[in-house]
Amino acid sequence: MVLLLISPDGVEEALDCAKSAEHLDIVDVKKPDEGSLGANFPWVIREIRDAVPADKPVSATVGDVPYKPGTVAQAALGAVVSGATYIKVGLYGCTTPEQGVEVMSAVVRAVKDHRPKALVVASGYADAHRIGCVNPLAVPHIAARSGADAAMLDTAVKDGTRLFDHVPPDVCAEFVRLAHAAGLLAALAGSVQQTDLGPLTRIGTDIVGVRGAVCAGGDRKAGRIQPRLVAAFRAEMDRQAREHAVGVPAGK
C-alpha cells in the first residue's frame, strides 16, 4: 500500500486535513514560503499535532539545510520534541555523499536519542543539477550509512516542473530499488499529479507526498488544501493500487 503524505502550511489547513483524515496517512508540516522543505515553527508543529487525529502521524521538515551538522541536528531535535514522528531533512547544501552522511548521522543521533521510534528521512532533490547538491541516486546510500529510515526525492525549485521532468520513471525506479535494497522506505514528491500515480505505484513507491495537487487551483502557495481534492487524489491512488494488484494497467 502506498501511503499518502499531505503538507498543510499551518493550523487552518491542518484542520482541513483532519476533515479528510480517512483519505490520508501522514500530515506533513512545512512552510512553503521558506523553500521546498521549508521548516515551520515549533509551536505550529505542536498545534498541528493537536489538531489532527492521534492515529495520524505528523512529519516535519527541518529545512533545505546547509552543510552544518550541528545546526541541523538541533533543528531536527526541535521538530521531534514538538511532536513530529517523521523528521525530514533536505540535503540542499551537501555537495558530496560524505557531507550528506555527516549531516544525517548527526540528525539520526539527535532524534533517536530523544525518541528511538521516530523515523528520519533523508531527502535529496530530483533537480539537484540546478542547485549543485548530491546526486539523487546517492540519497539511499546516504540514508543507509547514517542509520536513517527513509530516502526521499522532492524538487528544489518550484517553477512548475515536476519530479518526472528531472528524474524519469526508470531512474525513480532505480532510486526505489536502492532504497528497498538497503531496508529503507522510499518516498517521492515534487509537484506530483494524479497522472503520475500509475508509474509511482508500479515502481513500488512507499510514500507519495503532495501539496499543490490537493490545493485550490493547483497552487501550492496561494491555494488552500481542499478536502474534496484530497479524497479524489486518494481515490485515484486506490484505483491504481487495485489495477496494479491484478496486473492490469489502469485506464484500460
C-alpha atoms as a PDB file:
ATOM      1  CA  MET A   1       0.000   0.000   0.000  1.00  0.00           C
ATOM      2  CA  VAL A   2       1.273   3.442  -0.950  1.00  0.00           C
ATOM      3  CA  LEU A   3       0.990   5.986   1.856  1.00  0.00           C
ATOM      4  CA  LEU A   4      -0.306   9.492   1.113  1.00  0.00           C
ATOM      5  CA  LEU A   5       1.522  12.394   2.746  1.00  0.00           C
ATOM      6  CA  ILE A   6      -0.195  15.795   2.641  1.00  0.00           C
ATOM      7  CA  SER A   7       1.585  19.052   3.518  1.00  0.00           C
ATOM      8  CA  PRO A   8      -0.532  21.790   5.141  1.00  0.00           C
ATOM      9  CA  ASP A   9       1.209  25.119   5.703  1.00  0.00           C
ATOM     10  CA  GLY A  10      -0.420  25.891   9.030  1.00  0.00           C
ATOM     11  CA  VAL A  11      -3.043  25.004  11.580  1.00  0.00           C
ATOM     12  CA  GLU A  12      -6.040  26.065   9.471  1.00  0.00           C
ATOM     13  CA  GLU A  13      -5.039  23.770   6.629  1.00  0.00           C
ATOM     14  CA  ALA A  14      -4.266  21.022   9.125  1.00  0.00           C
ATOM     15  CA  LEU A  15      -7.887  21.251  10.253  1.00  0.00           C
ATOM     16  CA  ASP A  16      -8.893  20.736   6.616  1.00  0.00           C
ATOM     17  CA  CYS A  17      -6.643  17.682   6.592  1.00  0.00           C
ATOM     18  CA  ALA A  18      -8.394  16.463   9.725  1.00  0.00           C
ATOM     19  CA  LYS A  19     -11.659  16.587   7.783  1.00  0.00           C
ATOM     20  CA  SER A  20     -10.000  14.310   5.218  1.00  0.00           C
ATOM     21  CA  ALA A  21      -8.252  12.060   7.739  1.00  0.00           C
ATOM     22  CA  GLU A  22      -9.750   8.876   6.294  1.00  0.00           C
ATOM     23  CA  HIS A  23      -8.111   9.655   2.944  1.00  0.00           C
ATOM     24  CA  LEU A  24      -4.544  10.430   4.055  1.00  0.00           C
ATOM     25  CA  ASP A  25      -1.826   8.694   6.047  1.00  0.00           C
ATOM     26  CA  ILE A  26       0.700  11.336   7.143  1.00  0.00           C
ATOM     27  CA  VAL A  27       0.289  15.058   7.837  1.00  0.00           C
ATOM     28  CA  ASP A  28       3.475  16.875   6.892  1.00  0.00           C
ATOM     29  CA  VAL A  29       4.344  20.239   8.451  1.00  0.00           C
ATOM     30  CA  LYS A  30       6.310  22.616   6.270  1.00  0.00           C
ATOM     31  CA  LYS A  31       6.491  26.316   5.389  1.00  0.00           C
ATOM     32  CA  PRO A  32       6.327  26.589   1.592  1.00  0.00           C
ATOM     33  CA  ASP A  33       7.411  30.233   1.517  1.00  0.00           C
ATOM     34  CA  GLU A  34      10.735  29.195   3.066  1.00  0.00           C
ATOM     35  CA  GLY A  35      11.565  26.636   0.404  1.00  0.00           C
ATOM     36  CA  SER A  36      10.710  23.214  -0.942  1.00  0.00           C
ATOM     37  CA  LEU A  37      11.292  21.696   2.509  1.00  0.00           C
ATOM     38  CA  GLY A  38      10.952  24.945   4.445  1.00  0.00           C
ATOM     39  CA  ALA A  39      10.751  24.461   8.203  1.00  0.00           C
ATOM     40  CA  ASN A  40       7.768  25.741  10.141  1.00  0.00           C
ATOM     41  CA  PHE A  41       7.794  26.962  13.734  1.00  0.00           C
ATOM     42  CA  PRO A  42       7.911  24.514  16.665  1.00  0.00           C
ATOM     43  CA  TRP A  43       4.602  25.804  18.030  1.00  0.00           C
ATOM     44  CA  VAL A  44       2.971  25.187  14.635  1.00  0.00           C
ATOM     45  CA  ILE A  45       4.158  21.562  14.714  1.00  0.00           C
ATOM     46  CA  ARG A  46       2.668  21.199  18.208  1.00  0.00           C
ATOM     47  CA  GLU A  47      -0.625  22.823  17.202  1.00  0.00           C
ATOM     48  CA  ILE A  48      -0.930  20.638  14.100  1.00  0.00           C
ATOM     49  CA  ARG A  49      -0.128  17.538  16.155  1.00  0.00           C
ATOM     50  CA  ASP A  50      -3.018  18.511  18.440  1.00  0.00           C
ATOM     51  CA  ALA A  51      -5.330  19.306  15.515  1.00  0.00           C
ATOM     52  CA  VAL A  52      -5.147  16.018  13.605  1.00  0.00           C
ATOM     53  CA  PRO A  53      -6.347  12.602  14.813  1.00  0.00           C
ATOM     54  CA  ALA A  54      -3.944  10.892  17.173  1.00  0.00           C
ATOM     55  CA  ASP A  55      -3.594   7.887  14.883  1.00  0.00           C
ATOM     56  CA  LYS A  56      -2.264  10.032  12.030  1.00  0.00           C
ATOM     57  CA  PRO A  57       1.493  10.545  12.284  1.00  0.00           C
ATOM     58  CA  VAL A  58       2.864  14.033  11.786  1.00  0.00           C
ATOM     59  CA  SER A  59       6.025  14.656   9.841  1.00  0.00           C
ATOM     60  CA  ALA A  60       8.021  17.867   9.899  1.00  0.00           C
ATOM     61  CA  THR A  61      10.648  19.255   7.594  1.00  0.00           C
ATOM     62  CA  VAL A  62      13.681  20.905   9.130  1.00  0.00           C
ATOM     63  CA  GLY A  63      14.510  22.892   6.024  1.00  0.00           C
ATOM     64  CA  ASP A  64      16.569  22.881   2.857  1.00  0.00           C
ATOM     65  CA  VAL A  65      19.564  22.611   5.094  1.00  0.00           C
ATOM     66  CA  PRO A  66      23.194  23.755   4.766  1.00  0.00           C
ATOM     67  CA  TYR A  67      26.203  21.559   5.384  1.00  0.00           C
ATOM     68  CA  LYS A  68      26.206  22.338   9.093  1.00  0.00           C
ATOM     69  CA  PRO A  69      25.673  19.093  11.017  1.00  0.00           C
ATOM     70  CA  GLY A  70      25.354  20.687  14.459  1.00  0.00           C
ATOM     71  CA  THR A  71      22.847  23.283  13.330  1.00  0.00           C
ATOM     72  CA  VAL A  72      20.752  20.700  11.507  1.00  0.00           C
ATOM     73  CA  ALA A  73      20.855  18.233  14.414  1.00  0.00           C
ATOM     74  CA  GLN A  74      19.481  20.880  16.771  1.00  0.00           C
ATOM     75  CA  ALA A  75      16.716  21.739  14.292  1.00  0.00           C
ATOM     76  CA  ALA A  76      15.803  18.066  13.972  1.00  0.00           C
ATOM     77  CA  LEU A  77      15.658  17.658  17.739  1.00  0.00           C
ATOM     78  CA  GLY A  78      13.334  20.646  17.899  1.00  0.00           C
ATOM     79  CA  ALA A  79      11.000  19.003  15.397  1.00  0.00           C
ATOM     80  CA  VAL A  80      10.795  15.694  17.251  1.00  0.00           C
ATOM     81  CA  VAL A  81      10.365  17.398  20.640  1.00  0.00           C
ATOM     82  CA  SER A  82       7.493  19.375  19.104  1.00  0.00           C
ATOM     83  CA  GLY A  83       5.606  16.186  18.262  1.00  0.00           C
ATOM     84  CA  ALA A  84       6.734  15.037  14.817  1.00  0.00           C
ATOM     85  CA  THR A  85       7.138  11.317  14.172  1.00  0.00           C
ATOM     86  CA  TYR A  86       8.812  11.661  10.765  1.00  0.00           C
ATOM     87  CA  ILE A  87      11.747  14.103  10.571  1.00  0.00           C
ATOM     88  CA  LYS A  88      12.603  15.173   7.014  1.00  0.00           C
ATOM     89  CA  VAL A  89      15.925  16.758   6.117  1.00  0.00           C
ATOM     90  CA  GLY A  90      16.549  18.365   2.722  1.00  0.00           C
ATOM     91  CA  LEU A  91      20.231  17.926   1.843  1.00  0.00           C
ATOM     92  CA  TYR A  92      20.334  21.199  -0.082  1.00  0.00           C
ATOM     93  CA  GLY A  93      23.802  22.306   0.979  1.00  0.00           C
ATOM     94  CA  CYS A  94      25.527  18.924   0.802  1.00  0.00           C
ATOM     95  CA  THR A  95      27.599  18.566  -2.341  1.00  0.00           C
ATOM     96  CA  THR A  96      29.106  15.127  -1.650  1.00  0.00           C
ATOM     97  CA  PRO A  97      27.736  11.886  -0.189  1.00  0.00           C
ATOM     98  CA  GLU A  98      30.229  12.197   2.670  1.00  0.00           C
ATOM     99  CA  GLN A  99      28.765  15.559   3.673  1.00  0.00           C
ATOM    100  CA  GLY A 100      25.277  14.084   3.477  1.00  0.00           C
ATOM    101  CA  VAL A 101      26.249  11.184   5.726  1.00  0.00           C
ATOM    102  CA  GLU A 102      27.799  13.563   8.253  1.00  0.00           C
ATOM    103  CA  VAL A 103      24.671  15.709   8.436  1.00  0.00           C
ATOM    104  CA  MET A 104      22.264  12.779   8.537  1.00  0.00           C
ATOM    105  CA  SER A 105      24.282  10.857  11.145  1.00  0.00           C
ATOM    106  CA  ALA A 106      24.052  13.868  13.449  1.00  0.00           C
ATOM    107  CA  VAL A 107      20.309  14.112  12.832  1.00  0.00           C
ATOM    108  CA  VAL A 108      19.733  10.404  13.474  1.00  0.00           C
ATOM    109  CA  ARG A 109      21.585  10.571  16.783  1.00  0.00           C
ATOM    110  CA  ALA A 110      19.781  13.730  17.927  1.00  0.00           C
ATOM    111  CA  VAL A 111      16.345  12.383  17.021  1.00  0.00           C
ATOM    112  CA  LYS A 112      16.670   8.795  18.191  1.00  0.00           C
ATOM    113  CA  ASP A 113      18.371   9.682  21.476  1.00  0.00           C
ATOM    114  CA  HIS A 114      15.134  11.514  22.272  1.00  0.00           C
ATOM    115  CA  ARG A 115      12.597   9.206  20.587  1.00  0.00           C
ATOM    116  CA  PRO A 116      14.004   5.903  19.301  1.00  0.00           C
ATOM    117  CA  LYS A 117      10.869   5.076  17.313  1.00  0.00           C
ATOM    118  CA  ALA A 118      10.858   8.341  15.369  1.00  0.00           C
ATOM    119  CA  LEU A 119      11.592   7.976  11.658  1.00  0.00           C
ATOM    120  CA  VAL A 120      14.324  10.023   9.981  1.00  0.00           C
ATOM    121  CA  VAL A 121      14.032  10.836   6.286  1.00  0.00           C
ATOM    122  CA  ALA A 122      16.996  11.906   4.141  1.00  0.00           C
ATOM    123  CA  SER A 123      15.688  13.950   1.239  1.00  0.00           C
ATOM    124  CA  GLY A 124      17.527  14.774  -1.945  1.00  0.00           C
ATOM    125  CA  TYR A 125      16.333  16.723  -4.943  1.00  0.00           C
ATOM    126  CA  ALA A 126      15.308  15.473  -8.360  1.00  0.00           C
ATOM    127  CA  ASP A 127      16.615  18.746  -9.819  1.00  0.00           C
ATOM    128  CA  ALA A 128      19.939  18.530  -7.984  1.00  0.00           C
ATOM    129  CA  HIS A 129      21.708  19.616 -11.164  1.00  0.00           C
ATOM    130  CA  ARG A 130      20.082  23.041 -10.797  1.00  0.00           C
ATOM    131  CA  ILE A 131      21.355  23.700  -7.281  1.00  0.00           C
ATOM    132  CA  GLY A 132      24.588  21.709  -7.128  1.00  0.00           C
ATOM    133  CA  CYS A 133      23.709  19.259  -4.352  1.00  0.00           C
ATOM    134  CA  VAL A 134      24.226  15.494  -4.146  1.00  0.00           C
ATOM    135  CA  ASN A 135      23.079  13.253  -6.965  1.00  0.00           C
ATOM    136  CA  PRO A 136      19.572  11.867  -6.365  1.00  0.00           C
ATOM    137  CA  LEU A 137      20.754   8.266  -6.629  1.00  0.00           C
ATOM    138  CA  ALA A 138      23.259   8.866  -3.815  1.00  0.00           C
ATOM    139  CA  VAL A 139      20.477   9.585  -1.307  1.00  0.00           C
ATOM    140  CA  PRO A 140      19.583   5.955  -0.452  1.00  0.00           C
ATOM    141  CA  HIS A 141      23.264   5.287   0.240  1.00  0.00           C
ATOM    142  CA  ILE A 142      23.447   8.383   2.460  1.00  0.00           C
ATOM    143  CA  ALA A 143      20.314   7.361   4.341  1.00  0.00           C
ATOM    144  CA  ALA A 144      21.528   3.798   4.864  1.00  0.00           C
ATOM    145  CA  ARG A 145      25.021   4.749   6.033  1.00  0.00           C
ATOM    146  CA  SER A 146      23.679   7.287   8.506  1.00  0.00           C
ATOM    147  CA  GLY A 147      21.062   4.987  10.038  1.00  0.00           C
ATOM    148  CA  ALA A 148      18.068   6.892   8.672  1.00  0.00           C
ATOM    149  CA  ASP A 149      14.771   5.151   7.969  1.00  0.00           C
ATOM    150  CA  ALA A 150      13.763   6.514   4.579  1.00  0.00           C
ATOM    151  CA  ALA A 151      15.138   8.096   1.425  1.00  0.00           C
ATOM    152  CA  MET A 152      13.129  10.742  -0.386  1.00  0.00           C
ATOM    153  CA  LEU A 153      13.236  12.864  -3.525  1.00  0.00           C
ATOM    154  CA  ASP A 154      11.486  16.202  -3.984  1.00  0.00           C
ATOM    155  CA  THR A 155      12.078  19.163  -6.274  1.00  0.00           C
ATOM    156  CA  ALA A 156      14.049  22.137  -5.001  1.00  0.00           C
ATOM    157  CA  VAL A 157      12.821  24.749  -7.465  1.00  0.00           C
ATOM    158  CA  LYS A 158       9.052  25.085  -7.542  1.00  0.00           C
ATOM    159  CA  ASP A 159       8.664  26.579 -11.005  1.00  0.00           C
ATOM    160  CA  GLY A 160       6.050  24.262 -12.454  1.00  0.00           C
ATOM    161  CA  THR A 161       8.467  21.485 -13.383  1.00  0.00           C
ATOM    162  CA  ARG A 162       7.763  18.122 -11.818  1.00  0.00           C
ATOM    163  CA  LEU A 163       9.552  15.102 -10.409  1.00  0.00           C
ATOM    164  CA  PHE A 164       9.498  13.173 -13.697  1.00  0.00           C
ATOM    165  CA  ASP A 165      10.738  16.213 -15.637  1.00  0.00           C
ATOM    166  CA  HIS A 166      14.076  15.844 -13.878  1.00  0.00           C
ATOM    167  CA  VAL A 167      14.195  12.168 -12.865  1.00  0.00           C
ATOM    168  CA  PRO A 168      12.258   9.967 -15.298  1.00  0.00           C
ATOM    169  CA  PRO A 169      10.326   6.933 -14.074  1.00  0.00           C
ATOM    170  CA  ASP A 170      13.125   4.470 -14.809  1.00  0.00           C
ATOM    171  CA  VAL A 171      15.560   6.465 -12.664  1.00  0.00           C
ATOM    172  CA  CYS A 172      12.930   6.801  -9.932  1.00  0.00           C
ATOM    173  CA  ALA A 173      12.545   3.024 -10.116  1.00  0.00           C
ATOM    174  CA  GLU A 174      16.273   2.644  -9.504  1.00  0.00           C
ATOM    175  CA  PHE A 175      16.014   5.049  -6.551  1.00  0.00           C
ATOM    176  CA  VAL A 176      13.237   2.908  -5.058  1.00  0.00           C
ATOM    177  CA  ARG A 177      15.197  -0.282  -5.714  1.00  0.00           C
ATOM    178  CA  LEU A 178      18.290   1.101  -3.975  1.00  0.00           C
ATOM    179  CA  ALA A 179      16.221   2.256  -1.008  1.00  0.00           C
ATOM    180  CA  HIS A 180      14.477  -1.088  -0.621  1.00  0.00           C
ATOM    181  CA  ALA A 181      17.739  -2.998  -1.008  1.00  0.00           C
ATOM    182  CA  ALA A 182      19.047  -1.036   1.969  1.00  0.00           C
ATOM    183  CA  GLY A 183      15.926  -1.727   4.037  1.00  0.00           C
ATOM    184  CA  LEU A 184      14.626   1.835   3.675  1.00  0.00           C
ATOM    185  CA  LEU A 185      11.259   3.325   2.838  1.00  0.00           C
ATOM    186  CA  ALA A 186      11.200   5.177  -0.496  1.00  0.00           C
ATOM    187  CA  ALA A 187       9.296   8.470  -0.671  1.00  0.00           C
ATOM    188  CA  LEU A 188       8.734  10.539  -3.807  1.00  0.00           C
ATOM    189  CA  ALA A 189       7.347  14.034  -4.192  1.00  0.00           C
ATOM    190  CA  GLY A 190       7.776  17.059  -6.424  1.00  0.00           C
ATOM    191  CA  SER A 191       4.619  18.576  -7.938  1.00  0.00           C
ATOM    192  CA  VAL A 192       3.177  15.063  -8.240  1.00  0.00           C
ATOM    193  CA  GLN A 193      -0.162  14.892 -10.056  1.00  0.00           C
ATOM    194  CA  GLN A 194      -2.794  12.169 -10.330  1.00  0.00           C
ATOM    195  CA  THR A 195      -1.403  11.246 -13.750  1.00  0.00           C
ATOM    196  CA  ASP A 196       1.897  10.280 -12.070  1.00  0.00           C
ATOM    197  CA  LEU A 197       0.308   7.740  -9.743  1.00  0.00           C
ATOM    198  CA  GLY A 198       0.419   4.856 -12.213  1.00  0.00           C
ATOM    199  CA  PRO A 199       4.205   4.793 -12.603  1.00  0.00           C
ATOM    200  CA  LEU A 200       4.755   5.683  -8.938  1.00  0.00           C
ATOM    201  CA  THR A 201       2.666   2.669  -7.943  1.00  0.00           C
ATOM    202  CA  ARG A 202       4.320   0.312 -10.420  1.00  0.00           C
ATOM    203  CA  ILE A 203       7.851   1.101  -9.233  1.00  0.00           C
ATOM    204  CA  GLY A 204       6.958   0.330  -5.606  1.00  0.00           C
ATOM    205  CA  THR A 205       6.953   3.785  -4.027  1.00  0.00           C
ATOM    206  CA  ASP A 206       6.126   3.599  -0.315  1.00  0.00           C
ATOM    207  CA  ILE A 207       5.123   7.223   0.298  1.00  0.00           C
ATOM    208  CA  VAL A 208       3.835   9.839  -2.152  1.00  0.00           C
ATOM    209  CA  GLY A 209       3.989  13.440  -0.966  1.00  0.00           C
ATOM    210  CA  VAL A 210       1.734  16.142  -2.381  1.00  0.00           C
ATOM    211  CA  ARG A 211       0.591  19.658  -1.760  1.00  0.00           C
ATOM    212  CA  GLY A 212      -0.205  21.540  -4.964  1.00  0.00           C
ATOM    213  CA  ALA A 213      -2.282  18.672  -6.365  1.00  0.00           C
ATOM    214  CA  VAL A 214      -4.743  18.980  -3.475  1.00  0.00           C
ATOM    215  CA  CYS A 215      -4.774  22.790  -3.271  1.00  0.00           C
ATOM    216  CA  ALA A 216      -7.332  25.070  -4.906  1.00  0.00           C
ATOM    217  CA  GLY A 217      -6.186  25.913  -8.407  1.00  0.00           C
ATOM    218  CA  GLY A 218      -3.221  23.587  -8.046  1.00  0.00           C
ATOM    219  CA  ASP A 219      -1.314  26.453  -6.398  1.00  0.00           C
ATOM    220  CA  ARG A 220       0.923  25.248  -3.534  1.00  0.00           C
ATOM    221  CA  LYS A 221       1.461  28.798  -2.225  1.00  0.00           C
ATOM    222  CA  ALA A 222      -1.719  30.776  -2.896  1.00  0.00           C
ATOM    223  CA  GLY A 223      -4.168  27.870  -2.891  1.00  0.00           C
ATOM    224  CA  ARG A 224      -5.575  26.167   0.173  1.00  0.00           C
ATOM    225  CA  ILE A 225      -5.873  22.420   0.681  1.00  0.00           C
ATOM    226  CA  GLN A 226      -9.338  21.193  -0.311  1.00  0.00           C
ATOM    227  CA  PRO A 227     -10.763  18.072   1.389  1.00  0.00           C
ATOM    228  CA  ARG A 228     -12.569  17.076  -1.831  1.00  0.00           C
ATOM    229  CA  LEU A 229      -9.270  17.148  -3.733  1.00  0.00           C
ATOM    230  CA  VAL A 230      -7.607  15.034  -1.060  1.00  0.00           C
ATOM    231  CA  ALA A 231     -10.433  12.497  -1.389  1.00  0.00           C
ATOM    232  CA  ALA A 232     -10.138  12.489  -5.189  1.00  0.00           C
ATOM    233  CA  PHE A 233      -6.373  12.006  -5.049  1.00  0.00           C
ATOM    234  CA  ARG A 234      -6.742   9.078  -2.644  1.00  0.00           C
ATOM    235  CA  ALA A 235      -9.440   7.546  -4.850  1.00  0.00           C
ATOM    236  CA  GLU A 236      -7.031   7.569  -7.791  1.00  0.00           C
ATOM    237  CA  MET A 237      -4.250   6.122  -5.618  1.00  0.00           C
ATOM    238  CA  ASP A 238      -6.544   3.291  -4.590  1.00  0.00           C
ATOM    239  CA  ARG A 239      -7.628   2.679  -8.183  1.00  0.00           C
ATOM    240  CA  GLN A 240      -4.028   2.438  -9.323  1.00  0.00           C
ATOM    241  CA  ALA A 241      -3.236   0.070  -6.456  1.00  0.00           C
ATOM    242  CA  ARG A 242      -6.136  -2.217  -7.378  1.00  0.00           C
ATOM    243  CA  GLU A 243      -5.179  -2.267 -11.043  1.00  0.00           C
ATOM    244  CA  HIS A 244      -1.540  -2.929 -10.196  1.00  0.00           C
ATOM    245  CA  ALA A 245      -2.523  -5.785  -7.867  1.00  0.00           C
ATOM    246  CA  VAL A 246      -4.304  -7.626 -10.672  1.00  0.00           C
ATOM    247  CA  GLY A 247      -1.703  -6.719 -13.296  1.00  0.00           C
ATOM    248  CA  VAL A 248      -3.982  -4.634 -15.480  1.00  0.00           C
ATOM    249  CA  PRO A 249      -2.776  -1.143 -16.497  1.00  0.00           C
ATOM    250  CA  ALA A 250      -5.140   1.434 -15.029  1.00  0.00           C
ATOM    251  CA  GLY A 251      -7.343   3.153 -17.536  1.00  0.00           C
ATOM    252  CA  LYS A 252      -7.672   0.102 -19.807  1.00  0.00           C
END
